[in-house]
């Protein structure tokens, strides 16, 4: 929901962590192009 309203998202996890959380770039950009 915050992603819907954001300009930028920052993360510094190992590759794949955000995807496993369901917050990867495909999902996030699907919500907010």
ModelCIF file with pLDDT and N, C-alpha, C, O atoms, coordinates in Angstrom:
data_MODEL
#
_entry.id   MODEL 
#
_entity.id                         1 
_entity.type                       polymer 
_entity.pdbx_number_of_molecules   1 
#
_entity_poly.entity_id                      1 
_entity_poly.type                           'polypeptide(L)' 
_entity_poly.nstd_linkage                   no 
_entity_poly.nstd_monomer                   no 
_entity_poly.pdbx_seq_one_letter_code       
;(UNK)(UNK)(UNK)(UNK)(UNK)(UNK)(UNK)(UNK)(UNK)(UNK)(UNK)(UNK)(UNK)(UNK)(UNK)(UNK)
(UNK)(UNK)(UNK)(UNK)(UNK)(UNK)(UNK)(UNK)(UNK)(UNK)(UNK)(UNK)(UNK)(UNK)(UNK)(UNK)
(UNK)
;
_entity_poly.pdbx_seq_one_letter_code_can   XXXXXXXXXXXXXXXXXXXXXXXXXXXXXXXXX 
_entity_poly.pdbx_strand_id                 A 
#
loop_
_entity_poly_seq.entity_id 
_entity_poly_seq.num 
_entity_poly_seq.mon_id 
_entity_poly_seq.hetero 
1 1  UNK n 
1 2  UNK n 
1 3  UNK n 
1 4  UNK n 
1 5  UNK n 
1 6  UNK n 
1 7  UNK n 
1 8  UNK n 
1 9  UNK n 
1 10 UNK n 
1 11 UNK n 
1 12 UNK n 
1 13 UNK n 
1 14 UNK n 
1 15 UNK n 
1 16 UNK n 
1 17 UNK n 
1 18 UNK n 
1 19 UNK n 
1 20 UNK n 
1 21 UNK n 
1 22 UNK n 
1 23 UNK n 
1 24 UNK n 
1 25 UNK n 
1 26 UNK n 
1 27 UNK n 
1 28 UNK n 
1 29 UNK n 
1 30 UNK n 
1 31 UNK n 
1 32 UNK n 
1 33 UNK n 
#
_struct_asym.id          A 
_struct_asym.entity_id   1 
#
loop_
_ma_qa_metric.id 
_ma_qa_metric.mode 
_ma_qa_metric.name 
_ma_qa_metric.software_group_id 
_ma_qa_metric.type 
1 global pLDDT . pLDDT 
2 local  pLDDT . pLDDT 
#
_ma_qa_metric_global.metric_id      1 
_ma_qa_metric_global.metric_value   97.67 
_ma_qa_metric_global.model_id       1 
_ma_qa_metric_global.ordinal_id     1 
#
loop_
_ma_qa_metric_local.label_asym_id 
_ma_qa_metric_local.label_comp_id 
_ma_qa_metric_local.label_seq_id 
_ma_qa_metric_local.metric_id 
_ma_qa_metric_local.metric_value 
_ma_qa_metric_local.model_id 
_ma_qa_metric_local.ordinal_id 
A UNK 1  2 97.00 1 1  
A UNK 2  2 98.00 1 2  
A UNK 3  2 98.00 1 3  
A UNK 4  2 98.00 1 4  
A UNK 5  2 97.00 1 5  
A UNK 6  2 98.00 1 6  
A UNK 7  2 98.00 1 7  
A UNK 8  2 98.00 1 8  
A UNK 9  2 98.00 1 9  
A UNK 10 2 98.00 1 10 
A UNK 11 2 98.00 1 11 
A UNK 12 2 97.00 1 12 
A UNK 13 2 97.00 1 13 
A UNK 14 2 96.00 1 14 
A UNK 15 2 97.00 1 15 
A UNK 16 2 97.00 1 16 
A UNK 17 2 97.00 1 17 
A UNK 18 2 98.00 1 18 
A UNK 19 2 98.00 1 19 
A UNK 20 2 98.00 1 20 
A UNK 21 2 97.00 1 21 
A UNK 22 2 98.00 1 22 
A UNK 23 2 98.00 1 23 
A UNK 24 2 98.00 1 24 
A UNK 25 2 98.00 1 25 
A UNK 26 2 98.00 1 26 
A UNK 27 2 98.00 1 27 
A UNK 28 2 98.00 1 28 
A UNK 29 2 98.00 1 29 
A UNK 30 2 98.00 1 30 
A UNK 31 2 97.00 1 31 
A UNK 32 2 98.00 1 32 
A UNK 33 2 98.00 1 33 
#
loop_
_atom_site.group_PDB 
_atom_site.id 
_atom_site.type_symbol 
_atom_site.label_atom_id 
_atom_site.label_alt_id 
_atom_site.label_comp_id 
_atom_site.label_asym_id 
_atom_site.label_entity_id 
_atom_site.label_seq_id 
_atom_site.pdbx_PDB_ins_code 
_atom_site.Cartn_x 
_atom_site.Cartn_y 
_atom_site.Cartn_z 
_atom_site.occupancy 
_atom_site.B_iso_or_equiv 
_atom_site.pdbx_formal_charge 
_atom_site.auth_seq_id 
_atom_site.auth_comp_id 
_atom_site.auth_asym_id 
_atom_site.auth_atom_id 
_atom_site.pdbx_PDB_model_num 
ATOM 1   N N  . UNK A 1 1  ? 0.837  -1.199  0.000   1.00 97.00 ? 1  UNK A N  1 
ATOM 2   C CA . UNK A 1 1  ? 0.000  0.000   0.000   1.00 97.00 ? 1  UNK A CA 1 
ATOM 3   C C  . UNK A 1 1  ? 0.874  1.253   0.000   1.00 97.00 ? 1  UNK A C  1 
ATOM 4   O O  . UNK A 1 1  ? 0.553  2.243   -0.659  1.00 97.00 ? 1  UNK A O  1 
ATOM 5   N N  . UNK A 1 2  ? 1.984  1.203   0.746   1.00 98.00 ? 2  UNK A N  1 
ATOM 6   C CA . UNK A 1 2  ? 2.935  2.314   0.726   1.00 98.00 ? 2  UNK A CA 1 
ATOM 7   C C  . UNK A 1 2  ? 3.596  2.427   -0.641  1.00 98.00 ? 2  UNK A C  1 
ATOM 8   O O  . UNK A 1 2  ? 3.837  3.532   -1.128  1.00 98.00 ? 2  UNK A O  1 
ATOM 9   N N  . UNK A 1 3  ? 3.891  1.289   -1.262  1.00 98.00 ? 3  UNK A N  1 
ATOM 10  C CA . UNK A 1 3  ? 4.479  1.280   -2.602  1.00 98.00 ? 3  UNK A CA 1 
ATOM 11  C C  . UNK A 1 3  ? 3.589  2.026   -3.586  1.00 98.00 ? 3  UNK A C  1 
ATOM 12  O O  . UNK A 1 3  ? 4.083  2.735   -4.463  1.00 98.00 ? 3  UNK A O  1 
ATOM 13  N N  . UNK A 1 4  ? 2.278  1.865   -3.441  1.00 98.00 ? 4  UNK A N  1 
ATOM 14  C CA . UNK A 1 4  ? 1.337  2.550   -4.334  1.00 98.00 ? 4  UNK A CA 1 
ATOM 15  C C  . UNK A 1 4  ? 1.555  4.058   -4.339  1.00 98.00 ? 4  UNK A C  1 
ATOM 16  O O  . UNK A 1 4  ? 1.278  4.731   -5.331  1.00 98.00 ? 4  UNK A O  1 
ATOM 17  N N  . UNK A 1 5  ? 2.056  4.583   -3.217  1.00 97.00 ? 5  UNK A N  1 
ATOM 18  C CA . UNK A 1 5  ? 2.168  6.027   -3.049  1.00 97.00 ? 5  UNK A CA 1 
ATOM 19  C C  . UNK A 1 5  ? 3.606  6.525   -3.128  1.00 97.00 ? 5  UNK A C  1 
ATOM 20  O O  . UNK A 1 5  ? 3.850  7.726   -3.013  1.00 97.00 ? 5  UNK A O  1 
ATOM 21  N N  . UNK A 1 6  ? 4.564  5.617   -3.324  1.00 98.00 ? 6  UNK A N  1 
ATOM 22  C CA . UNK A 1 6  ? 5.985  5.965   -3.239  1.00 98.00 ? 6  UNK A CA 1 
ATOM 23  C C  . UNK A 1 6  ? 6.576  6.340   -4.594  1.00 98.00 ? 6  UNK A C  1 
ATOM 24  O O  . UNK A 1 6  ? 6.084  5.930   -5.645  1.00 98.00 ? 6  UNK A O  1 
ATOM 25  N N  . UNK A 1 7  ? 7.641  7.129   -4.537  1.00 98.00 ? 7  UNK A N  1 
ATOM 26  C CA . UNK A 1 7  ? 8.451  7.426   -5.718  1.00 98.00 ? 7  UNK A CA 1 
ATOM 27  C C  . UNK A 1 7  ? 9.637  6.476   -5.817  1.00 98.00 ? 7  UNK A C  1 
ATOM 28  O O  . UNK A 1 7  ? 10.040 6.079   -6.910  1.00 98.00 ? 7  UNK A O  1 
ATOM 29  N N  . UNK A 1 8  ? 10.196 6.114   -4.654  1.00 98.00 ? 8  UNK A N  1 
ATOM 30  C CA . UNK A 1 8  ? 11.416 5.304   -4.607  1.00 98.00 ? 8  UNK A CA 1 
ATOM 31  C C  . UNK A 1 8  ? 11.273 4.273   -3.503  1.00 98.00 ? 8  UNK A C  1 
ATOM 32  O O  . UNK A 1 8  ? 10.713 4.565   -2.447  1.00 98.00 ? 8  UNK A O  1 
ATOM 33  N N  . UNK A 1 9  ? 11.776 3.065   -3.740  1.00 98.00 ? 9  UNK A N  1 
ATOM 34  C CA . UNK A 1 9  ? 11.950 2.047   -2.703  1.00 98.00 ? 9  UNK A CA 1 
ATOM 35  C C  . UNK A 1 9  ? 13.423 1.689   -2.651  1.00 98.00 ? 9  UNK A C  1 
ATOM 36  O O  . UNK A 1 9  ? 14.055 1.488   -3.688  1.00 98.00 ? 9  UNK A O  1 
ATOM 37  N N  . UNK A 1 10 ? 13.977 1.608   -1.436  1.00 98.00 ? 10 UNK A N  1 
ATOM 38  C CA . UNK A 1 10 ? 15.381 1.250   -1.233  1.00 98.00 ? 10 UNK A CA 1 
ATOM 39  C C  . UNK A 1 10 ? 15.474 -0.041  -0.445  1.00 98.00 ? 10 UNK A C  1 
ATOM 40  O O  . UNK A 1 10 ? 14.785 -0.210  0.560   1.00 98.00 ? 10 UNK A O  1 
ATOM 41  N N  . UNK A 1 11 ? 16.328 -0.959  -0.897  1.00 98.00 ? 11 UNK A N  1 
ATOM 42  C CA . UNK A 1 11 ? 16.569 -2.193  -0.133  1.00 98.00 ? 11 UNK A CA 1 
ATOM 43  C C  . UNK A 1 11 ? 17.998 -2.643  -0.334  1.00 98.00 ? 11 UNK A C  1 
ATOM 44  O O  . UNK A 1 11 ? 18.596 -2.428  -1.388  1.00 98.00 ? 11 UNK A O  1 
ATOM 45  N N  . UNK A 1 12 ? 18.545 -3.284  0.718   1.00 97.00 ? 12 UNK A N  1 
ATOM 46  C CA . UNK A 1 12 ? 19.932 -3.724  0.674   1.00 97.00 ? 12 UNK A CA 1 
ATOM 47  C C  . UNK A 1 12 ? 20.120 -5.165  1.094   1.00 97.00 ? 12 UNK A C  1 
ATOM 48  O O  . UNK A 1 12 ? 21.138 -5.512  1.692   1.00 97.00 ? 12 UNK A O  1 
ATOM 49  N N  . UNK A 1 13 ? 19.125 -6.028  0.780   1.00 97.00 ? 13 UNK A N  1 
ATOM 50  C CA . UNK A 1 13 ? 19.215 -7.440  1.142   1.00 97.00 ? 13 UNK A CA 1 
ATOM 51  C C  . UNK A 1 13 ? 19.960 -8.233  0.064   1.00 97.00 ? 13 UNK A C  1 
ATOM 52  O O  . UNK A 1 13 ? 20.238 -7.721  -1.020  1.00 97.00 ? 13 UNK A O  1 
ATOM 53  N N  . UNK A 1 14 ? 20.274 -9.488  0.382   1.00 96.00 ? 14 UNK A N  1 
ATOM 54  C CA . UNK A 1 14 ? 20.826 -10.363 -0.654  1.00 96.00 ? 14 UNK A CA 1 
ATOM 55  C C  . UNK A 1 14 ? 19.811 -10.535 -1.777  1.00 96.00 ? 14 UNK A C  1 
ATOM 56  O O  . UNK A 1 14 ? 18.606 -10.476 -1.534  1.00 96.00 ? 14 UNK A O  1 
ATOM 57  N N  . UNK A 1 15 ? 20.284 -10.746 -3.000  1.00 97.00 ? 15 UNK A N  1 
ATOM 58  C CA . UNK A 1 15 ? 19.341 -10.954 -4.101  1.00 97.00 ? 15 UNK A CA 1 
ATOM 59  C C  . UNK A 1 15 ? 18.363 -12.086 -3.786  1.00 97.00 ? 15 UNK A C  1 
ATOM 60  O O  . UNK A 1 15 ? 18.762 -13.158 -3.330  1.00 97.00 ? 15 UNK A O  1 
ATOM 61  N N  . UNK A 1 16 ? 17.095 -11.835 -4.034  1.00 97.00 ? 16 UNK A N  1 
ATOM 62  C CA . UNK A 1 16 ? 16.060 -12.849 -3.843  1.00 97.00 ? 16 UNK A CA 1 
ATOM 63  C C  . UNK A 1 16 ? 15.269 -12.696 -2.566  1.00 97.00 ? 16 UNK A C  1 
ATOM 64  O O  . UNK A 1 16 ? 14.166 -13.235 -2.472  1.00 97.00 ? 16 UNK A O  1 
ATOM 65  N N  . UNK A 1 17 ? 15.788 -11.977 -1.567  1.00 97.00 ? 17 UNK A N  1 
ATOM 66  C CA . UNK A 1 17 ? 15.085 -11.843 -0.293  1.00 97.00 ? 17 UNK A CA 1 
ATOM 67  C C  . UNK A 1 17 ? 13.766 -11.099 -0.472  1.00 97.00 ? 17 UNK A C  1 
ATOM 68  O O  . UNK A 1 17 ? 12.730 -11.548 0.019   1.00 97.00 ? 17 UNK A O  1 
ATOM 69  N N  . UNK A 1 18 ? 13.797 -9.988  -1.158  1.00 98.00 ? 18 UNK A N  1 
ATOM 70  C CA . UNK A 1 18 ? 12.568 -9.222  -1.360  1.00 98.00 ? 18 UNK A CA 1 
ATOM 71  C C  . UNK A 1 18 ? 11.551 -10.015 -2.192  1.00 98.00 ? 18 UNK A C  1 
ATOM 72  O O  . UNK A 1 18 ? 10.345 -9.914  -1.962  1.00 98.00 ? 18 UNK A O  1 
ATOM 73  N N  . UNK A 1 19 ? 12.034 -10.793 -3.145  1.00 98.00 ? 19 UNK A N  1 
ATOM 74  C CA . UNK A 1 19 ? 11.127 -11.619 -3.952  1.00 98.00 ? 19 UNK A CA 1 
ATOM 75  C C  . UNK A 1 19 ? 10.434 -12.658 -3.072  1.00 98.00 ? 19 UNK A C  1 
ATOM 76  O O  . UNK A 1 19 ? 9.236  -12.900 -3.217  1.00 98.00 ? 19 UNK A O  1 
ATOM 77  N N  . UNK A 1 20 ? 11.196 -13.273 -2.153  1.00 98.00 ? 20 UNK A N  1 
ATOM 78  C CA . UNK A 1 20 ? 10.601 -14.284 -1.278  1.00 98.00 ? 20 UNK A CA 1 
ATOM 79  C C  . UNK A 1 20 ? 9.587  -13.676 -0.315  1.00 98.00 ? 20 UNK A C  1 
ATOM 80  O O  . UNK A 1 20 ? 8.656  -14.357 0.115   1.00 98.00 ? 20 UNK A O  1 
ATOM 81  N N  . UNK A 1 21 ? 9.758  -12.418 0.022   1.00 97.00 ? 21 UNK A N  1 
ATOM 82  C CA . UNK A 1 21 ? 8.794  -11.737 0.880   1.00 97.00 ? 21 UNK A CA 1 
ATOM 83  C C  . UNK A 1 21 ? 7.523  -11.349 0.137   1.00 97.00 ? 21 UNK A C  1 
ATOM 84  O O  . UNK A 1 21 ? 6.514  -10.997 0.748   1.00 97.00 ? 21 UNK A O  1 
ATOM 85  N N  . UNK A 1 22 ? 7.585  -11.417 -1.183  1.00 98.00 ? 22 UNK A N  1 
ATOM 86  C CA . UNK A 1 22 ? 6.452  -10.940 -1.980  1.00 98.00 ? 22 UNK A CA 1 
ATOM 87  C C  . UNK A 1 22 ? 6.520  -9.456  -2.261  1.00 98.00 ? 22 UNK A C  1 
ATOM 88  O O  . UNK A 1 22 ? 5.510  -8.831  -2.582  1.00 98.00 ? 22 UNK A O  1 
ATOM 89  N N  . UNK A 1 23 ? 7.734  -8.878  -2.139  1.00 98.00 ? 23 UNK A N  1 
ATOM 90  C CA . UNK A 1 23 ? 7.932  -7.450  -2.338  1.00 98.00 ? 23 UNK A CA 1 
ATOM 91  C C  . UNK A 1 23 ? 8.960  -7.158  -3.423  1.00 98.00 ? 23 UNK A C  1 
ATOM 92  O O  . UNK A 1 23 ? 9.522  -6.064  -3.472  1.00 98.00 ? 23 UNK A O  1 
ATOM 93  N N  . UNK A 1 24 ? 9.208  -8.134  -4.291  1.00 98.00 ? 24 UNK A N  1 
ATOM 94  C CA . UNK A 1 24 ? 10.197 -7.970  -5.349  1.00 98.00 ? 24 UNK A CA 1 
ATOM 95  C C  . UNK A 1 24 ? 9.795  -6.915  -6.363  1.00 98.00 ? 24 UNK A C  1 
ATOM 96  O O  . UNK A 1 24 ? 8.664  -6.429  -6.344  1.00 98.00 ? 24 UNK A O  1 
ATOM 97  N N  . UNK A 1 25 ? 10.710 -6.560  -7.243  1.00 98.00 ? 25 UNK A N  1 
ATOM 98  C CA . UNK A 1 25 ? 10.430 -5.489  -8.210  1.00 98.00 ? 25 UNK A CA 1 
ATOM 99  C C  . UNK A 1 25 ? 9.286  -5.794  -9.156  1.00 98.00 ? 25 UNK A C  1 
ATOM 100 O O  . UNK A 1 25 ? 8.565  -4.873  -9.541  1.00 98.00 ? 25 UNK A O  1 
ATOM 101 N N  . UNK A 1 26 ? 9.085  -7.047  -9.550  1.00 98.00 ? 26 UNK A N  1 
ATOM 102 C CA . UNK A 1 26 ? 7.967  -7.357  -10.443 1.00 98.00 ? 26 UNK A CA 1 
ATOM 103 C C  . UNK A 1 26 ? 6.635  -7.026  -9.777  1.00 98.00 ? 26 UNK A C  1 
ATOM 104 O O  . UNK A 1 26 ? 5.750  -6.437  -10.399 1.00 98.00 ? 26 UNK A O  1 
ATOM 105 N N  . UNK A 1 27 ? 6.497  -7.411  -8.500  1.00 98.00 ? 27 UNK A N  1 
ATOM 106 C CA . UNK A 1 27 ? 5.271  -7.129  -7.765  1.00 98.00 ? 27 UNK A CA 1 
ATOM 107 C C  . UNK A 1 27 ? 5.119  -5.624  -7.533  1.00 98.00 ? 27 UNK A C  1 
ATOM 108 O O  . UNK A 1 27 ? 4.051  -5.055  -7.756  1.00 98.00 ? 27 UNK A O  1 
ATOM 109 N N  . UNK A 1 28 ? 6.209  -4.988  -7.081  1.00 98.00 ? 28 UNK A N  1 
ATOM 110 C CA . UNK A 1 28 ? 6.140  -3.563  -6.748  1.00 98.00 ? 28 UNK A CA 1 
ATOM 111 C C  . UNK A 1 28 ? 5.856  -2.716  -7.983  1.00 98.00 ? 28 UNK A C  1 
ATOM 112 O O  . UNK A 1 28 ? 5.014  -1.819  -7.937  1.00 98.00 ? 28 UNK A O  1 
ATOM 113 N N  . UNK A 1 29 ? 6.548  -2.989  -9.082  1.00 98.00 ? 29 UNK A N  1 
ATOM 114 C CA . UNK A 1 29 ? 6.326  -2.219  -10.304 1.00 98.00 ? 29 UNK A CA 1 
ATOM 115 C C  . UNK A 1 29 ? 4.986  -2.554  -10.931 1.00 98.00 ? 29 UNK A C  1 
ATOM 116 O O  . UNK A 1 29 ? 4.418  -1.745  -11.665 1.00 98.00 ? 29 UNK A O  1 
ATOM 117 N N  . UNK A 1 30 ? 4.474  -3.757  -10.641 1.00 98.00 ? 30 UNK A N  1 
ATOM 118 C CA . UNK A 1 30 ? 3.122  -4.089  -11.089 1.00 98.00 ? 30 UNK A CA 1 
ATOM 119 C C  . UNK A 1 30 ? 2.075  -3.255  -10.382 1.00 98.00 ? 30 UNK A C  1 
ATOM 120 O O  . UNK A 1 30 ? 1.017  -2.963  -10.940 1.00 98.00 ? 30 UNK A O  1 
ATOM 121 N N  . UNK A 1 31 ? 2.378  -2.870  -9.144  1.00 97.00 ? 31 UNK A N  1 
ATOM 122 C CA . UNK A 1 31 ? 1.468  -2.020  -8.376  1.00 97.00 ? 31 UNK A CA 1 
ATOM 123 C C  . UNK A 1 31 ? 1.637  -0.540  -8.743  1.00 97.00 ? 31 UNK A C  1 
ATOM 124 O O  . UNK A 1 31 ? 0.667  0.214   -8.822  1.00 97.00 ? 31 UNK A O  1 
ATOM 125 N N  . UNK A 1 32 ? 2.874  -0.156  -8.960  1.00 98.00 ? 32 UNK A N  1 
ATOM 126 C CA . UNK A 1 32 ? 3.198  1.254   -9.209  1.00 98.00 ? 32 UNK A CA 1 
ATOM 127 C C  . UNK A 1 32 ? 4.212  1.314   -10.341 1.00 98.00 ? 32 UNK A C  1 
ATOM 128 O O  . UNK A 1 32 ? 5.413  1.155   -10.119 1.00 98.00 ? 32 UNK A O  1 
ATOM 129 N N  . UNK A 1 33 ? 3.729  1.542   -11.543 1.00 98.00 ? 33 UNK A N  1 
ATOM 130 C CA . UNK A 1 33 ? 4.592  1.506   -12.726 1.00 98.00 ? 33 UNK A CA 1 
ATOM 131 C C  . UNK A 1 33 ? 5.605  2.620   -12.797 1.00 98.00 ? 33 UNK A C  1 
ATOM 132 O O  . UNK A 1 33 ? 6.383  2.688   -13.749 1.00 98.00 ? 33 UNK A O  1 
#
